[in-house]
């Protein structure tokens, strides 16, 4: 019985450590690049000073932690499913991502995530380079993400994925092409 109390206390402490989202946007300049590297499980192995600064954590608070420490609850889970599917297949992927800072504030990024390979071409980790997103692109992506999240609540990730596929089909583009177009327009 004592073990169950301890485990419940640990779960409670984990919830306390995750910041509560607040309506405070963190920004960074167009020339700044936020960089991080993770191991195969998504634990942070490297964070550059720009990422540390915008996220609001110290280097020690980030290293060894799951990268989803910065996951904002308003992000559609589908985007992370797509990200992991592509990465584990050895392919790079781009995404607009809403992140959560340590103080509960948020920041948007346009992320390029790539697998890192060893000399035998085995994936040994992941490398993420994030830039400031195009504001016009955000005007398009924000309502889409809201819709994807609503579909996830009603029908799960499958419903969200179907909606995204229909959206892209109507536009006549693939996912990466759509993102590239709205980021660079």
N, C-alpha and C. Protein backbone atom coordinates (compact mmCIF):
# COMPACT_ATOMS: atom_id res chain seq x y z
N UNK A 1 0.82 -1.20 0.00
CA UNK A 1 0.00 0.00 0.00
C UNK A 1 0.87 1.27 0.00
N UNK A 2 1.97 1.24 0.75
CA UNK A 2 2.88 2.39 0.81
C UNK A 2 3.45 2.70 -0.57
N UNK A 3 3.74 1.67 -1.35
CA UNK A 3 4.30 1.85 -2.69
C UNK A 3 3.31 2.60 -3.58
N UNK A 4 2.04 2.26 -3.49
CA UNK A 4 1.02 2.93 -4.30
C UNK A 4 0.93 4.42 -3.95
N UNK A 5 1.02 4.75 -2.67
CA UNK A 5 0.99 6.16 -2.26
C UNK A 5 2.18 6.90 -2.86
N UNK A 6 3.36 6.26 -2.81
CA UNK A 6 4.57 6.86 -3.35
C UNK A 6 4.44 7.08 -4.86
N UNK A 7 3.94 6.07 -5.58
CA UNK A 7 3.76 6.20 -7.03
C UNK A 7 2.76 7.30 -7.37
N UNK A 8 1.69 7.39 -6.62
CA UNK A 8 0.71 8.45 -6.84
C UNK A 8 1.32 9.82 -6.57
N UNK A 9 2.17 9.92 -5.56
CA UNK A 9 2.84 11.18 -5.25
C UNK A 9 3.77 11.58 -6.40
N UNK A 10 4.48 10.60 -6.96
CA UNK A 10 5.36 10.90 -8.10
C UNK A 10 4.56 11.41 -9.28
N UNK A 11 3.41 10.80 -9.58
CA UNK A 11 2.55 11.27 -10.67
C UNK A 11 2.09 12.68 -10.41
N UNK A 12 1.72 12.96 -9.17
CA UNK A 12 1.27 14.29 -8.78
C UNK A 12 2.39 15.31 -8.98
N UNK A 13 3.60 14.97 -8.56
CA UNK A 13 4.74 15.87 -8.72
C UNK A 13 5.03 16.13 -10.19
N UNK A 14 4.91 15.12 -11.04
CA UNK A 14 5.14 15.31 -12.47
C UNK A 14 4.16 16.33 -13.03
N UNK A 15 2.91 16.25 -12.61
CA UNK A 15 1.91 17.19 -13.10
C UNK A 15 2.24 18.60 -12.65
N UNK A 16 2.75 18.75 -11.46
CA UNK A 16 3.09 20.07 -10.95
C UNK A 16 4.25 20.65 -11.76
N UNK A 17 5.21 19.82 -12.16
CA UNK A 17 6.38 20.31 -12.87
C UNK A 17 6.06 20.83 -14.26
N UNK A 18 5.02 20.31 -14.89
CA UNK A 18 4.63 20.78 -16.22
C UNK A 18 3.92 22.11 -16.05
N UNK A 19 4.42 23.17 -16.69
CA UNK A 19 3.79 24.49 -16.50
C UNK A 19 2.37 24.55 -17.04
N UNK A 20 1.57 25.36 -16.40
CA UNK A 20 0.21 25.61 -16.88
C UNK A 20 0.30 26.68 -17.97
N UNK A 21 -0.26 26.40 -19.15
CA UNK A 21 -0.19 27.38 -20.24
C UNK A 21 -0.84 28.71 -19.88
N UNK A 22 -0.15 29.78 -20.25
CA UNK A 22 -0.67 31.14 -20.07
C UNK A 22 -0.61 31.85 -21.42
N UNK A 23 -1.33 32.94 -21.53
CA UNK A 23 -1.39 33.68 -22.79
C UNK A 23 -0.26 34.69 -22.85
N UNK A 24 0.94 34.20 -23.00
CA UNK A 24 2.14 35.04 -23.08
C UNK A 24 3.04 34.48 -24.17
N UNK A 25 3.16 35.23 -25.26
CA UNK A 25 3.99 34.74 -26.37
C UNK A 25 5.44 35.15 -26.18
N UNK A 26 6.31 34.18 -26.35
CA UNK A 26 7.75 34.42 -26.38
C UNK A 26 8.15 34.53 -27.84
N UNK A 27 9.02 35.43 -28.15
CA UNK A 27 9.43 35.56 -29.54
C UNK A 27 10.95 35.49 -29.62
N UNK A 28 11.41 35.31 -30.83
CA UNK A 28 12.85 35.33 -31.09
C UNK A 28 13.02 35.90 -32.48
N UNK A 29 14.20 36.40 -32.75
CA UNK A 29 14.43 37.13 -34.00
C UNK A 29 14.49 36.19 -35.19
N UNK A 30 14.28 36.76 -36.36
CA UNK A 30 14.28 36.00 -37.61
C UNK A 30 15.59 35.26 -37.82
N UNK A 31 16.69 35.83 -37.40
CA UNK A 31 17.99 35.20 -37.61
C UNK A 31 18.37 34.14 -36.59
N UNK A 32 17.65 34.07 -35.49
CA UNK A 32 17.97 33.08 -34.46
C UNK A 32 17.50 31.69 -34.88
N UNK A 33 18.29 30.70 -34.54
CA UNK A 33 17.94 29.31 -34.82
C UNK A 33 17.99 28.56 -33.49
N UNK A 34 16.90 27.85 -33.19
CA UNK A 34 16.82 27.04 -31.98
C UNK A 34 17.21 25.62 -32.37
N UNK A 35 18.23 25.07 -31.72
CA UNK A 35 18.73 23.75 -32.09
C UNK A 35 18.70 22.83 -30.88
N UNK A 36 18.28 21.60 -31.14
CA UNK A 36 18.38 20.57 -30.11
C UNK A 36 18.66 19.24 -30.78
N UNK A 37 19.22 18.34 -30.01
CA UNK A 37 19.46 16.98 -30.46
C UNK A 37 18.89 16.05 -29.40
N UNK A 38 18.40 14.90 -29.84
CA UNK A 38 17.86 13.92 -28.91
C UNK A 38 18.42 12.54 -29.22
N UNK A 39 18.27 11.66 -28.25
CA UNK A 39 18.59 10.26 -28.49
C UNK A 39 17.39 9.60 -29.17
N UNK A 40 17.43 8.31 -29.32
CA UNK A 40 16.35 7.60 -30.02
C UNK A 40 15.01 7.66 -29.30
N UNK A 41 15.04 7.89 -28.00
CA UNK A 41 13.79 7.94 -27.23
C UNK A 41 13.25 9.35 -27.10
N UNK A 42 13.94 10.33 -27.68
CA UNK A 42 13.47 11.71 -27.61
C UNK A 42 14.01 12.49 -26.42
N UNK A 43 14.98 11.93 -25.70
CA UNK A 43 15.59 12.66 -24.59
C UNK A 43 16.64 13.62 -25.13
N UNK A 44 16.62 14.83 -24.62
CA UNK A 44 17.51 15.89 -25.11
C UNK A 44 18.96 15.60 -24.74
N UNK A 45 19.83 15.62 -25.75
CA UNK A 45 21.26 15.43 -25.53
C UNK A 45 22.06 16.71 -25.81
N UNK A 46 21.42 17.66 -26.46
CA UNK A 46 22.07 18.94 -26.77
C UNK A 46 21.00 20.00 -26.94
N UNK A 47 21.28 21.19 -26.43
CA UNK A 47 20.39 22.34 -26.62
C UNK A 47 21.26 23.58 -26.78
N UNK A 48 21.07 24.34 -27.86
CA UNK A 48 21.88 25.54 -28.04
C UNK A 48 21.33 26.67 -27.16
N UNK A 49 22.10 27.74 -27.06
CA UNK A 49 21.73 28.84 -26.15
C UNK A 49 20.41 29.51 -26.56
N UNK A 50 20.12 29.55 -27.85
CA UNK A 50 18.87 30.16 -28.30
C UNK A 50 17.66 29.35 -27.83
N UNK A 51 17.75 28.03 -27.97
CA UNK A 51 16.66 27.17 -27.50
C UNK A 51 16.49 27.30 -25.99
N UNK A 52 17.59 27.26 -25.27
CA UNK A 52 17.56 27.39 -23.80
C UNK A 52 16.90 28.71 -23.41
N UNK A 53 17.27 29.78 -24.09
CA UNK A 53 16.74 31.11 -23.77
C UNK A 53 15.24 31.22 -24.03
N UNK A 54 14.80 30.79 -25.19
CA UNK A 54 13.38 30.92 -25.55
C UNK A 54 12.52 29.98 -24.70
N UNK A 55 12.98 28.75 -24.48
CA UNK A 55 12.22 27.79 -23.69
C UNK A 55 12.20 28.17 -22.21
N UNK A 56 13.22 28.90 -21.76
CA UNK A 56 13.24 29.36 -20.38
C UNK A 56 13.79 28.38 -19.37
N UNK A 57 14.35 27.30 -19.84
CA UNK A 57 14.96 26.31 -18.95
C UNK A 57 16.47 26.51 -18.94
N UNK A 58 17.12 26.01 -17.91
CA UNK A 58 18.58 25.98 -17.92
C UNK A 58 19.01 24.75 -18.72
N UNK A 59 20.26 24.71 -19.09
CA UNK A 59 20.77 23.55 -19.82
C UNK A 59 20.60 22.28 -18.99
N UNK A 60 20.89 22.37 -17.69
CA UNK A 60 20.75 21.21 -16.82
C UNK A 60 19.30 20.74 -16.70
N UNK A 61 18.36 21.65 -16.80
CA UNK A 61 16.95 21.27 -16.72
C UNK A 61 16.47 20.61 -18.01
N UNK A 62 17.17 20.81 -19.12
CA UNK A 62 16.78 20.22 -20.40
C UNK A 62 17.49 18.91 -20.71
N UNK A 63 18.79 18.86 -20.47
CA UNK A 63 19.56 17.68 -20.85
C UNK A 63 19.07 16.44 -20.11
N UNK A 64 18.82 15.39 -20.88
CA UNK A 64 18.33 14.14 -20.32
C UNK A 64 16.82 14.07 -20.16
N UNK A 65 16.15 15.18 -20.43
CA UNK A 65 14.68 15.22 -20.30
C UNK A 65 14.04 14.91 -21.65
N UNK A 66 12.83 14.37 -21.64
CA UNK A 66 12.12 14.15 -22.91
C UNK A 66 11.86 15.49 -23.59
N UNK A 67 12.02 15.52 -24.91
CA UNK A 67 11.82 16.77 -25.64
C UNK A 67 10.40 17.28 -25.49
N UNK A 68 9.48 16.38 -25.18
CA UNK A 68 8.10 16.82 -25.04
C UNK A 68 7.87 17.65 -23.78
N UNK A 69 8.92 17.96 -23.05
CA UNK A 69 8.83 18.91 -21.94
C UNK A 69 8.33 20.26 -22.47
N UNK A 70 8.57 20.51 -23.76
CA UNK A 70 8.14 21.77 -24.37
C UNK A 70 6.86 21.61 -25.19
N UNK A 71 6.21 20.47 -25.10
CA UNK A 71 4.99 20.23 -25.89
C UNK A 71 3.82 21.01 -25.30
N UNK A 72 3.23 21.85 -26.12
CA UNK A 72 2.06 22.63 -25.70
C UNK A 72 0.82 21.75 -25.85
N UNK A 73 -0.09 21.79 -24.87
CA UNK A 73 -1.28 20.92 -24.96
C UNK A 73 -2.22 21.26 -26.11
N UNK A 74 -2.05 22.42 -26.73
CA UNK A 74 -2.90 22.78 -27.87
C UNK A 74 -2.37 22.26 -29.21
N UNK A 75 -1.24 21.56 -29.18
CA UNK A 75 -0.70 20.98 -30.41
C UNK A 75 -1.47 19.71 -30.76
N UNK A 76 -1.86 19.56 -32.02
CA UNK A 76 -2.51 18.30 -32.42
C UNK A 76 -1.54 17.13 -32.28
N UNK A 77 -1.99 16.05 -31.70
CA UNK A 77 -1.15 14.86 -31.54
C UNK A 77 -0.77 14.28 -32.90
N UNK A 78 -1.62 14.50 -33.89
CA UNK A 78 -1.35 13.98 -35.23
C UNK A 78 -0.01 14.47 -35.78
N UNK A 79 0.33 15.71 -35.52
CA UNK A 79 1.58 16.27 -36.04
C UNK A 79 2.77 15.50 -35.49
N UNK A 80 2.71 15.13 -34.20
CA UNK A 80 3.82 14.36 -33.62
C UNK A 80 3.81 12.92 -34.13
N UNK A 81 2.64 12.38 -34.41
CA UNK A 81 2.58 11.05 -35.01
C UNK A 81 3.27 11.08 -36.37
N UNK A 82 2.95 12.09 -37.19
CA UNK A 82 3.58 12.23 -38.51
C UNK A 82 5.09 12.39 -38.35
N UNK A 83 5.49 13.20 -37.41
CA UNK A 83 6.91 13.45 -37.17
C UNK A 83 7.64 12.16 -36.86
N UNK A 84 7.14 11.38 -35.90
CA UNK A 84 7.82 10.15 -35.50
C UNK A 84 7.79 9.10 -36.61
N UNK A 85 6.71 9.03 -37.36
CA UNK A 85 6.62 8.08 -38.47
C UNK A 85 7.72 8.35 -39.50
N UNK A 86 7.87 9.62 -39.87
CA UNK A 86 8.88 9.99 -40.87
C UNK A 86 10.30 9.78 -40.34
N UNK A 87 10.54 10.22 -39.11
CA UNK A 87 11.89 10.10 -38.54
C UNK A 87 12.33 8.65 -38.39
N UNK A 88 11.43 7.82 -37.89
CA UNK A 88 11.80 6.41 -37.70
C UNK A 88 11.99 5.68 -39.02
N UNK A 89 11.44 6.25 -40.10
CA UNK A 89 11.66 5.70 -41.43
C UNK A 89 12.94 6.28 -42.06
N UNK A 90 13.63 7.14 -41.32
CA UNK A 90 14.89 7.70 -41.81
C UNK A 90 14.74 8.93 -42.67
N UNK A 91 13.58 9.57 -42.62
CA UNK A 91 13.33 10.75 -43.44
C UNK A 91 13.19 12.00 -42.58
N UNK A 92 13.58 13.14 -43.15
CA UNK A 92 13.39 14.41 -42.45
C UNK A 92 11.94 14.85 -42.58
N UNK A 93 11.55 15.78 -41.69
CA UNK A 93 10.19 16.31 -41.73
C UNK A 93 10.20 17.74 -41.24
N UNK A 94 9.28 18.52 -41.76
CA UNK A 94 9.07 19.89 -41.32
C UNK A 94 7.72 19.98 -40.64
N UNK A 95 7.59 20.93 -39.72
CA UNK A 95 6.29 21.13 -39.06
C UNK A 95 6.26 22.49 -38.39
N UNK A 96 5.09 23.08 -38.38
CA UNK A 96 4.84 24.23 -37.52
C UNK A 96 4.51 23.63 -36.15
N UNK A 97 5.18 24.14 -35.11
CA UNK A 97 4.97 23.58 -33.78
C UNK A 97 4.75 24.70 -32.77
N UNK A 98 3.72 24.53 -31.97
CA UNK A 98 3.45 25.41 -30.84
C UNK A 98 4.11 24.78 -29.62
N UNK A 99 5.07 25.49 -29.02
CA UNK A 99 5.80 24.98 -27.87
C UNK A 99 5.42 25.71 -26.60
N UNK A 100 5.68 25.04 -25.49
CA UNK A 100 5.38 25.56 -24.16
C UNK A 100 6.69 25.89 -23.45
N UNK A 101 6.82 27.12 -22.99
CA UNK A 101 8.01 27.55 -22.25
C UNK A 101 7.86 27.19 -20.77
N UNK A 102 8.93 27.26 -20.04
CA UNK A 102 8.95 26.89 -18.62
C UNK A 102 7.97 27.74 -17.81
N UNK A 103 7.80 29.00 -18.18
CA UNK A 103 6.91 29.88 -17.41
C UNK A 103 5.44 29.75 -17.83
N UNK A 104 5.14 28.82 -18.76
CA UNK A 104 3.78 28.63 -19.23
C UNK A 104 3.46 29.40 -20.49
N UNK A 105 4.35 30.30 -20.88
CA UNK A 105 4.18 31.03 -22.13
C UNK A 105 4.37 30.09 -23.31
N UNK A 106 4.16 30.61 -24.50
CA UNK A 106 4.25 29.78 -25.69
C UNK A 106 5.13 30.44 -26.74
N UNK A 107 5.58 29.63 -27.67
CA UNK A 107 6.31 30.15 -28.82
C UNK A 107 6.11 29.20 -29.99
N UNK A 108 5.89 29.79 -31.16
CA UNK A 108 5.73 29.04 -32.40
C UNK A 108 7.07 28.89 -33.09
N UNK A 109 7.28 27.74 -33.71
CA UNK A 109 8.49 27.51 -34.49
C UNK A 109 8.13 26.81 -35.80
N UNK A 110 8.99 26.99 -36.78
CA UNK A 110 8.94 26.16 -37.98
C UNK A 110 10.13 25.23 -37.84
N UNK A 111 9.84 23.94 -37.60
CA UNK A 111 10.88 22.97 -37.28
C UNK A 111 11.25 22.12 -38.48
N UNK A 112 12.54 21.87 -38.60
CA UNK A 112 13.06 20.88 -39.54
C UNK A 112 13.76 19.85 -38.66
N UNK A 113 13.24 18.63 -38.68
CA UNK A 113 13.78 17.57 -37.83
C UNK A 113 14.32 16.47 -38.73
N UNK A 114 15.53 16.04 -38.44
CA UNK A 114 16.19 15.02 -39.25
C UNK A 114 16.76 13.92 -38.35
N UNK A 115 16.78 12.70 -38.86
CA UNK A 115 17.47 11.65 -38.12
C UNK A 115 18.98 11.83 -38.26
N UNK A 116 19.70 11.40 -37.24
CA UNK A 116 21.17 11.38 -37.29
C UNK A 116 21.59 9.92 -37.45
N UNK A 117 22.59 9.67 -38.29
CA UNK A 117 22.99 8.30 -38.61
C UNK A 117 24.43 8.05 -38.18
N UNK A 118 24.74 6.79 -37.85
CA UNK A 118 26.12 6.40 -37.60
C UNK A 118 26.76 5.96 -38.92
N UNK A 119 27.97 5.46 -38.86
CA UNK A 119 28.69 5.09 -40.08
C UNK A 119 28.10 3.87 -40.79
N UNK A 120 27.28 3.09 -40.07
CA UNK A 120 26.60 1.94 -40.68
C UNK A 120 25.19 2.30 -41.15
N UNK A 121 24.88 3.60 -41.16
CA UNK A 121 23.58 4.11 -41.59
C UNK A 121 22.42 3.72 -40.66
N UNK A 122 22.73 3.50 -39.37
CA UNK A 122 21.71 3.26 -38.36
C UNK A 122 21.34 4.60 -37.71
N UNK A 123 20.06 4.79 -37.45
CA UNK A 123 19.63 6.01 -36.78
C UNK A 123 20.12 5.97 -35.33
N UNK A 124 20.80 7.04 -34.91
CA UNK A 124 21.32 7.09 -33.54
C UNK A 124 20.72 8.24 -32.73
N UNK A 125 19.91 9.06 -33.38
CA UNK A 125 19.28 10.17 -32.68
C UNK A 125 18.61 11.09 -33.68
N UNK A 126 18.22 12.26 -33.19
CA UNK A 126 17.49 13.21 -34.03
C UNK A 126 18.01 14.62 -33.79
N UNK A 127 17.95 15.42 -34.83
CA UNK A 127 18.47 16.79 -34.81
C UNK A 127 17.35 17.72 -35.25
N UNK A 128 17.04 18.72 -34.44
CA UNK A 128 15.96 19.65 -34.77
C UNK A 128 16.49 21.07 -34.85
N UNK A 129 16.20 21.70 -35.98
CA UNK A 129 16.54 23.10 -36.21
C UNK A 129 15.24 23.85 -36.37
N UNK A 130 15.03 24.85 -35.52
CA UNK A 130 13.76 25.57 -35.54
C UNK A 130 14.00 27.05 -35.78
N UNK A 131 13.19 27.58 -36.68
CA UNK A 131 13.27 29.00 -37.04
C UNK A 131 11.93 29.67 -36.73
N UNK A 132 11.96 30.97 -36.76
CA UNK A 132 10.72 31.72 -36.56
C UNK A 132 9.80 31.47 -37.74
N UNK A 133 8.55 31.12 -37.47
CA UNK A 133 7.63 30.85 -38.58
C UNK A 133 7.14 32.12 -39.24
N UNK A 134 6.77 31.98 -40.49
CA UNK A 134 6.16 33.05 -41.25
C UNK A 134 4.79 33.35 -40.63
N UNK A 135 4.51 34.61 -40.33
CA UNK A 135 3.22 34.98 -39.70
C UNK A 135 2.04 34.68 -40.60
N UNK A 136 2.21 34.84 -41.91
CA UNK A 136 1.13 34.48 -42.83
C UNK A 136 0.87 32.98 -42.79
N UNK A 137 1.93 32.21 -42.66
CA UNK A 137 1.79 30.76 -42.54
C UNK A 137 1.05 30.38 -41.26
N UNK A 138 1.35 31.10 -40.18
CA UNK A 138 0.65 30.84 -38.91
C UNK A 138 -0.84 31.15 -39.02
N UNK A 139 -1.16 32.18 -39.80
CA UNK A 139 -2.58 32.52 -39.98
C UNK A 139 -3.34 31.37 -40.66
N UNK A 140 -2.63 30.57 -41.42
CA UNK A 140 -3.24 29.41 -42.08
C UNK A 140 -3.20 28.19 -41.16
N UNK A 141 -2.08 27.99 -40.47
CA UNK A 141 -1.89 26.77 -39.69
C UNK A 141 -2.69 26.77 -38.38
N UNK A 142 -2.86 27.92 -37.75
CA UNK A 142 -3.58 27.96 -36.46
C UNK A 142 -5.01 27.44 -36.57
N UNK A 143 -5.82 27.93 -37.52
CA UNK A 143 -7.18 27.37 -37.60
C UNK A 143 -7.19 25.90 -38.01
N UNK A 144 -6.22 25.49 -38.84
CA UNK A 144 -6.14 24.08 -39.22
C UNK A 144 -5.84 23.22 -38.00
N UNK A 145 -4.88 23.64 -37.18
CA UNK A 145 -4.54 22.89 -35.97
C UNK A 145 -5.72 22.84 -35.00
N UNK A 146 -6.45 23.95 -34.88
CA UNK A 146 -7.64 23.95 -34.01
C UNK A 146 -8.64 22.90 -34.48
N UNK A 147 -8.83 22.84 -35.78
CA UNK A 147 -9.76 21.86 -36.36
C UNK A 147 -9.26 20.43 -36.16
N UNK A 148 -7.96 20.22 -36.35
CA UNK A 148 -7.38 18.89 -36.14
C UNK A 148 -7.57 18.45 -34.69
N UNK A 149 -7.35 19.36 -33.76
CA UNK A 149 -7.52 19.03 -32.33
C UNK A 149 -8.98 18.69 -32.01
N UNK A 150 -9.91 19.44 -32.58
CA UNK A 150 -11.33 19.14 -32.35
C UNK A 150 -11.68 17.75 -32.86
N UNK A 151 -11.14 17.40 -34.03
CA UNK A 151 -11.40 16.06 -34.58
C UNK A 151 -10.75 14.98 -33.72
N UNK A 152 -9.59 15.26 -33.14
CA UNK A 152 -8.94 14.30 -32.25
C UNK A 152 -9.79 14.05 -31.01
N UNK A 153 -10.39 15.09 -30.48
CA UNK A 153 -11.24 14.95 -29.30
C UNK A 153 -12.45 14.07 -29.62
N UNK A 154 -13.02 14.28 -30.78
CA UNK A 154 -14.24 13.55 -31.17
C UNK A 154 -13.93 12.13 -31.64
N UNK A 155 -12.95 12.00 -32.53
CA UNK A 155 -12.71 10.70 -33.17
C UNK A 155 -11.30 10.17 -33.07
N UNK A 156 -10.44 10.80 -32.27
CA UNK A 156 -9.07 10.34 -32.13
C UNK A 156 -8.17 10.79 -33.27
N UNK A 157 -6.95 10.31 -33.23
CA UNK A 157 -5.96 10.71 -34.24
C UNK A 157 -6.39 10.30 -35.65
N UNK A 158 -7.07 9.17 -35.77
CA UNK A 158 -7.51 8.73 -37.10
C UNK A 158 -8.44 9.75 -37.75
N UNK A 159 -9.35 10.32 -36.97
CA UNK A 159 -10.27 11.33 -37.50
C UNK A 159 -9.51 12.58 -37.91
N UNK A 160 -8.53 12.95 -37.10
CA UNK A 160 -7.69 14.10 -37.40
C UNK A 160 -6.89 13.87 -38.67
N UNK A 161 -6.35 12.67 -38.81
CA UNK A 161 -5.55 12.33 -39.98
C UNK A 161 -6.39 12.35 -41.26
N UNK A 162 -7.59 11.85 -41.18
CA UNK A 162 -8.50 11.86 -42.32
C UNK A 162 -8.81 13.30 -42.74
N UNK A 163 -9.05 14.16 -41.77
CA UNK A 163 -9.31 15.56 -42.06
C UNK A 163 -8.12 16.20 -42.76
N UNK A 164 -6.91 15.96 -42.27
CA UNK A 164 -5.72 16.53 -42.89
C UNK A 164 -5.54 16.01 -44.32
N UNK A 165 -5.75 14.72 -44.51
CA UNK A 165 -5.63 14.15 -45.86
C UNK A 165 -6.62 14.80 -46.82
N UNK A 166 -7.87 14.99 -46.38
CA UNK A 166 -8.88 15.63 -47.23
C UNK A 166 -8.51 17.08 -47.52
N UNK A 167 -8.00 17.77 -46.51
CA UNK A 167 -7.58 19.17 -46.66
C UNK A 167 -6.48 19.28 -47.72
N UNK A 168 -5.47 18.42 -47.62
CA UNK A 168 -4.34 18.45 -48.56
C UNK A 168 -4.79 18.03 -49.96
N UNK A 169 -5.68 17.06 -50.03
CA UNK A 169 -6.18 16.61 -51.34
C UNK A 169 -6.93 17.74 -52.04
N UNK A 170 -7.74 18.50 -51.31
CA UNK A 170 -8.45 19.63 -51.90
C UNK A 170 -7.49 20.68 -52.42
N UNK A 171 -6.37 20.84 -51.73
CA UNK A 171 -5.37 21.82 -52.16
C UNK A 171 -4.48 21.25 -53.26
N UNK A 172 -4.51 19.93 -53.45
CA UNK A 172 -3.71 19.29 -54.49
C UNK A 172 -2.22 19.27 -54.17
N UNK A 173 -1.88 19.17 -52.87
CA UNK A 173 -0.48 19.17 -52.46
C UNK A 173 -0.23 18.08 -51.41
N UNK A 174 1.03 17.74 -51.26
CA UNK A 174 1.45 16.82 -50.20
C UNK A 174 1.79 17.67 -48.97
N UNK A 175 1.88 17.03 -47.82
CA UNK A 175 2.11 17.70 -46.55
C UNK A 175 3.33 18.63 -46.59
N UNK A 176 4.49 18.09 -46.97
CA UNK A 176 5.71 18.91 -46.99
C UNK A 176 5.61 20.09 -47.95
N UNK A 177 5.00 19.85 -49.10
CA UNK A 177 4.83 20.91 -50.09
C UNK A 177 3.95 22.03 -49.53
N UNK A 178 2.88 21.66 -48.87
CA UNK A 178 1.98 22.63 -48.24
C UNK A 178 2.72 23.47 -47.21
N UNK A 179 3.48 22.81 -46.33
CA UNK A 179 4.23 23.54 -45.29
C UNK A 179 5.26 24.47 -45.89
N UNK A 180 6.01 23.97 -46.87
CA UNK A 180 7.04 24.77 -47.52
C UNK A 180 6.41 26.03 -48.14
N UNK A 181 5.28 25.85 -48.79
CA UNK A 181 4.60 26.96 -49.47
C UNK A 181 4.17 28.03 -48.47
N UNK A 182 3.53 27.62 -47.37
CA UNK A 182 3.05 28.64 -46.43
C UNK A 182 4.17 29.25 -45.59
N UNK A 183 5.26 28.52 -45.39
CA UNK A 183 6.39 29.08 -44.65
C UNK A 183 7.16 30.09 -45.51
N UNK A 184 7.23 29.83 -46.79
CA UNK A 184 8.08 30.67 -47.65
C UNK A 184 7.29 31.58 -48.59
N UNK A 185 6.00 31.79 -48.30
CA UNK A 185 5.22 32.70 -49.15
C UNK A 185 5.30 34.13 -48.64
